[in-house]
Amino acid sequence: TVQLSPGSPSFAATDVTFLPAGAFAFIAGGPPDTVTAYATCTNGIALAPMTNTPQVIATPGLPSMLRPLPNGTQVLAMDPPGIDFLDLTTTPVGCPPTLQVSPTVSVNLSQGNFVPTQFIVSPDGLTAYIRTQNSGIILVFDIANKATSAIALTGNAIALQAALTPDGRFLYVGAEDVPPPVPPATSPAALGSVHVLDTTAGADVQQITFPQTPQPFCIGPGTPPLPPPSPVTYCYP
């Protein structure tokens, strides 16, 4: 357990991430809305070279998720309605190493207000996939070109959980294809499948279902909870 020095007494962290080299940790939180860089060898706030300025970066809103890019020169902050780019300059040697973070550049995803529930960056650092609350689409963000598109799930399904393959080619999305019945009804049972999204084609190319008898492969409580014999059959990749 490490005690860090936050930006204010009421500071509440929302996410933490590390650069690939491991020399720095980044913590999002507020108030005020910031991302703070820490040197992991001292657990102190990182300082800029020459000026020793603490690297506490103001953001337009309160970032909910942080994702470093594999090249170690940028951190992306999920900050609806956009994404904040934090550009980094560092030589991670010595203790503590120095770090310079450029002023935040924010890119609006043109989706209005949304609640992000997953933020996945591809292994090559070129694309980000964003799952949003109660939505049947996966947002696709071209990191280099700062452009947004989307992949829709077939059958008006609602995305519940996503996992990207190591080569970045396919996104497997557990989905709610048939919503739970409204209590006190217990039939039909809620049904789900795993949708296979081809990230190159930008399409939902396959839906994997599971046997429902004698017992569903995937069982969960659902929202609201459902009693047997009507289990929720959602599968999370």
Protein backbone atom coordinates (compact mmCIF):
# COMPACT_ATOMS: atom_id res chain seq x y z
CA THR A 1 0.00 0.00 0.00
CA VAL A 2 1.33 3.40 -1.01
CA GLN A 3 0.06 6.78 0.15
CA LEU A 4 0.07 9.25 -2.74
CA SER A 5 -0.28 13.01 -2.57
CA PRO A 6 -3.42 13.90 -4.57
CA GLY A 7 -4.30 17.23 -6.10
CA SER A 8 -6.80 18.15 -3.37
CA PRO A 9 -7.99 16.79 0.01
CA SER A 10 -11.24 15.54 -1.59
CA PHE A 11 -9.47 13.97 -4.59
CA ALA A 12 -11.12 10.74 -5.81
CA ALA A 13 -9.29 8.56 -8.32
CA THR A 14 -11.22 7.03 -11.22
CA ASP A 15 -8.48 4.98 -12.92
CA VAL A 16 -4.76 4.24 -12.90
CA THR A 17 -2.44 3.03 -15.65
CA PHE A 18 1.30 2.61 -16.26
CA LEU A 19 3.56 3.38 -19.18
CA PRO A 20 4.92 0.23 -20.89
CA ALA A 21 8.39 0.94 -19.47
CA GLY A 22 6.88 1.00 -15.97
CA ALA A 23 8.67 4.17 -14.88
CA PHE A 24 5.50 6.24 -14.52
CA ALA A 25 1.97 5.76 -13.27
CA PHE A 26 -0.94 7.98 -14.29
CA ILE A 27 -3.95 8.55 -12.06
CA ALA A 28 -7.17 10.23 -13.22
CA GLY A 29 -9.39 11.93 -10.70
CA GLY A 30 -10.82 15.10 -9.25
CA PRO A 31 -11.60 17.66 -8.19
CA PRO A 32 -10.11 19.37 -10.03
CA ASP A 33 -10.43 17.24 -13.16
CA THR A 34 -6.88 16.07 -13.78
CA VAL A 35 -4.48 13.31 -14.75
CA THR A 36 -1.45 13.19 -12.46
CA ALA A 37 1.80 11.45 -13.38
CA TYR A 38 3.83 9.70 -10.66
CA ALA A 39 7.37 8.33 -10.78
CA THR A 40 7.10 4.70 -9.67
CA CYS A 41 10.56 4.63 -8.07
CA THR A 42 9.60 7.32 -5.54
CA ASN A 43 5.76 7.35 -5.66
CA GLY A 44 6.06 11.12 -5.95
CA ILE A 45 4.54 13.35 -8.60
CA ALA A 46 6.70 13.33 -11.73
CA LEU A 47 8.64 16.51 -12.46
CA ALA A 48 9.47 18.13 -15.77
CA PRO A 49 13.14 18.42 -16.78
CA MET A 50 14.87 21.72 -16.08
CA THR A 51 11.82 23.40 -14.49
CA ASN A 52 10.85 20.65 -12.00
CA THR A 53 7.19 21.49 -12.68
CA PRO A 54 4.81 18.85 -11.19
CA GLN A 55 3.08 16.99 -13.98
CA VAL A 56 -0.57 17.47 -13.02
CA ILE A 57 -2.53 17.76 -16.27
CA ALA A 58 -5.88 19.55 -16.36
CA THR A 59 -8.56 17.82 -18.46
CA PRO A 60 -11.86 19.16 -19.89
CA GLY A 61 -13.87 16.73 -17.77
CA LEU A 62 -13.26 13.90 -15.31
CA PRO A 63 -11.62 11.01 -17.21
CA SER A 64 -13.10 7.63 -16.32
CA MET A 65 -10.48 5.42 -18.02
CA LEU A 66 -6.81 5.75 -18.97
CA ARG A 67 -5.04 3.74 -21.66
CA PRO A 68 -1.33 4.05 -22.60
CA LEU A 69 -0.26 3.48 -26.18
CA PRO A 70 2.38 0.78 -26.80
CA ASN A 71 4.95 3.32 -28.04
CA GLY A 72 5.05 4.90 -24.57
CA THR A 73 4.65 8.44 -25.91
CA GLN A 74 0.91 8.95 -25.37
CA VAL A 75 -1.82 8.20 -22.86
CA LEU A 76 -5.48 8.34 -23.87
CA ALA A 77 -8.05 9.50 -21.34
CA MET A 78 -11.71 8.58 -21.83
CA ASP A 79 -13.46 11.88 -21.15
CA PRO A 80 -16.99 11.92 -22.67
CA PRO A 81 -18.00 13.32 -25.05
CA GLY A 82 -14.41 12.86 -26.21
CA ILE A 83 -10.96 11.41 -25.70
CA ASP A 84 -8.04 13.43 -24.31
CA PHE A 85 -4.57 12.90 -25.78
CA LEU A 86 -1.66 13.29 -23.36
CA ASP A 87 1.64 13.57 -25.27
CA LEU A 88 4.70 12.54 -23.27
CA THR A 89 8.42 13.19 -23.46
CA THR A 90 10.65 11.22 -21.12
CA THR A 91 13.92 9.41 -20.69
CA PRO A 92 13.04 6.72 -18.12
CA VAL A 93 16.48 6.42 -16.54
CA GLY A 94 17.71 7.25 -13.06
CA CYS A 95 15.49 7.82 -10.05
CA PRO A 96 13.39 9.78 -10.33
CA PRO A 97 13.30 10.09 -14.12
CA THR A 98 11.86 13.29 -15.59
CA LEU A 99 8.66 13.59 -17.58
CA GLN A 100 7.13 16.35 -19.68
CA VAL A 101 3.43 16.17 -20.57
CA SER A 102 2.16 18.52 -23.28
CA PRO A 103 -1.15 20.41 -22.91
CA THR A 104 -4.17 18.17 -23.40
CA VAL A 105 -5.67 17.81 -26.88
CA SER A 106 -9.30 16.64 -26.75
CA VAL A 107 -11.12 14.98 -29.65
CA ASN A 108 -14.93 14.94 -29.64
CA LEU A 109 -16.28 11.54 -30.73
CA SER A 110 -19.46 13.19 -32.09
CA GLN A 111 -21.67 10.77 -30.15
CA GLY A 112 -23.23 13.27 -27.76
CA ASN A 113 -23.40 12.25 -24.13
CA PHE A 114 -22.58 8.59 -23.53
CA VAL A 115 -21.47 6.38 -20.66
CA PRO A 116 -18.37 4.33 -21.57
CA THR A 117 -18.18 0.86 -20.03
CA GLN A 118 -15.08 -0.52 -21.81
CA PHE A 119 -12.10 1.10 -23.51
CA ILE A 120 -9.91 -1.34 -25.45
CA VAL A 121 -6.77 -0.31 -27.37
CA SER A 122 -5.51 -2.64 -30.08
CA PRO A 123 -2.04 -4.21 -29.57
CA ASP A 124 -0.58 -2.05 -32.37
CA GLY A 125 -1.91 1.12 -30.75
CA LEU A 126 -3.74 2.22 -33.89
CA THR A 127 -7.37 1.66 -32.91
CA ALA A 128 -9.53 1.95 -29.82
CA TYR A 129 -12.82 0.14 -29.26
CA ILE A 130 -15.37 1.66 -26.91
CA ARG A 131 -18.37 -0.16 -25.47
CA THR A 132 -21.07 2.13 -24.14
CA GLN A 133 -23.93 1.56 -21.74
CA ASN A 134 -27.14 0.05 -23.13
CA SER A 135 -25.92 0.19 -26.72
CA GLY A 136 -25.90 -2.20 -29.64
CA ILE A 137 -22.85 -0.67 -31.29
CA ILE A 138 -19.13 -0.69 -30.60
CA LEU A 139 -17.47 2.65 -31.27
CA VAL A 140 -14.26 2.42 -33.30
CA PHE A 141 -11.73 5.22 -32.91
CA ASP A 142 -8.88 5.62 -35.42
CA ILE A 143 -6.18 6.95 -33.09
CA ALA A 144 -3.80 8.31 -35.75
CA ASN A 145 -6.49 10.06 -37.80
CA LYS A 146 -8.70 10.91 -34.80
CA ALA A 147 -11.79 9.62 -36.63
CA THR A 148 -14.79 7.74 -35.24
CA SER A 149 -16.86 4.96 -36.80
CA ALA A 150 -18.95 2.11 -35.40
CA ILE A 151 -19.71 -1.60 -35.73
CA ALA A 152 -23.33 -2.55 -35.09
CA LEU A 153 -24.35 -5.86 -33.55
CA THR A 154 -26.91 -7.79 -35.55
CA GLY A 155 -30.44 -8.36 -34.30
CA ASN A 156 -30.67 -5.23 -32.13
CA ALA A 157 -28.52 -6.96 -29.48
CA ILE A 158 -27.11 -5.02 -26.54
CA ALA A 159 -23.35 -5.34 -25.97
CA LEU A 160 -22.47 -6.55 -22.46
CA GLN A 161 -18.75 -7.35 -22.60
CA ALA A 162 -16.05 -7.34 -25.27
CA ALA A 163 -12.64 -8.97 -25.71
CA LEU A 164 -10.13 -8.31 -28.50
CA THR A 165 -7.98 -11.10 -29.96
CA PRO A 166 -4.18 -10.63 -29.59
CA ASP A 167 -3.78 -9.89 -33.30
CA GLY A 168 -6.56 -7.27 -33.15
CA ARG A 169 -8.50 -8.95 -35.97
CA PHE A 170 -11.65 -10.00 -34.08
CA LEU A 171 -13.68 -8.52 -31.27
CA TYR A 172 -15.78 -11.05 -29.36
CA VAL A 173 -18.81 -9.41 -27.77
CA GLY A 174 -21.11 -11.09 -25.27
CA ALA A 175 -24.55 -9.65 -25.89
CA GLU A 176 -28.14 -9.63 -24.72
CA ASP A 177 -30.11 -10.84 -27.73
CA VAL A 178 -33.39 -11.38 -25.87
CA PRO A 179 -33.88 -9.17 -22.79
CA PRO A 180 -35.06 -10.58 -19.46
CA PRO A 181 -38.84 -10.80 -19.03
CA VAL A 182 -40.44 -8.20 -16.82
CA PRO A 183 -41.17 -9.67 -13.37
CA PRO A 184 -43.27 -11.46 -12.28
CA ALA A 185 -43.14 -13.18 -15.68
CA THR A 186 -40.63 -16.04 -15.85
CA SER A 187 -40.90 -16.99 -19.52
CA PRO A 188 -39.30 -16.79 -22.00
CA ALA A 189 -35.85 -16.93 -20.53
CA ALA A 190 -33.39 -14.20 -21.38
CA LEU A 191 -31.00 -15.28 -24.13
CA GLY A 192 -27.60 -14.14 -25.23
CA SER A 193 -24.88 -15.02 -27.70
CA VAL A 194 -21.30 -14.10 -28.44
CA HIS A 195 -21.03 -11.91 -31.51
CA VAL A 196 -17.84 -12.08 -33.59
CA LEU A 197 -16.93 -8.69 -35.01
CA ASP A 198 -14.41 -8.59 -37.86
CA THR A 199 -12.46 -5.40 -37.17
CA THR A 200 -11.05 -5.28 -40.70
CA ALA A 201 -14.42 -5.61 -42.40
CA GLY A 202 -16.17 -3.58 -39.71
CA ALA A 203 -19.01 -6.06 -39.45
CA ASP A 204 -20.71 -8.56 -37.14
CA VAL A 205 -19.85 -11.76 -39.04
CA GLN A 206 -20.97 -14.53 -36.68
CA GLN A 207 -23.19 -15.10 -33.65
CA ILE A 208 -22.23 -18.02 -31.41
CA THR A 209 -25.09 -19.55 -29.44
CA PHE A 210 -25.03 -22.18 -26.72
CA PRO A 211 -27.35 -25.10 -25.91
CA GLN A 212 -30.20 -24.17 -23.60
CA THR A 213 -31.04 -27.70 -22.44
CA PRO A 214 -30.85 -29.40 -20.08
CA GLN A 215 -29.16 -26.35 -18.54
CA PRO A 216 -27.87 -23.18 -20.17
CA PHE A 217 -24.13 -22.91 -20.67
CA CYS A 218 -24.03 -19.39 -19.20
CA ILE A 219 -26.11 -18.45 -16.17
CA GLY A 220 -26.26 -15.14 -14.36
CA PRO A 221 -28.64 -13.23 -12.08
CA GLY A 222 -29.63 -10.60 -14.63
CA THR A 223 -30.98 -7.13 -13.92
CA PRO A 224 -33.44 -7.35 -12.28
CA PRO A 225 -32.53 -10.78 -10.82
CA LEU A 226 -34.51 -13.68 -12.25
CA PRO A 227 -35.38 -16.81 -10.26
CA PRO A 228 -35.19 -20.32 -11.76
CA PRO A 229 -36.46 -21.79 -14.01
CA SER A 230 -35.75 -18.67 -16.06
CA PRO A 231 -31.98 -18.11 -15.80
CA VAL A 232 -30.26 -15.37 -17.71
CA THR A 233 -28.05 -16.96 -20.32
CA TYR A 234 -25.44 -14.31 -21.04
CA CYS A 235 -21.87 -15.28 -21.92
CA TYR A 236 -18.92 -12.98 -21.24
CA PRO A 237 -15.82 -13.55 -23.41
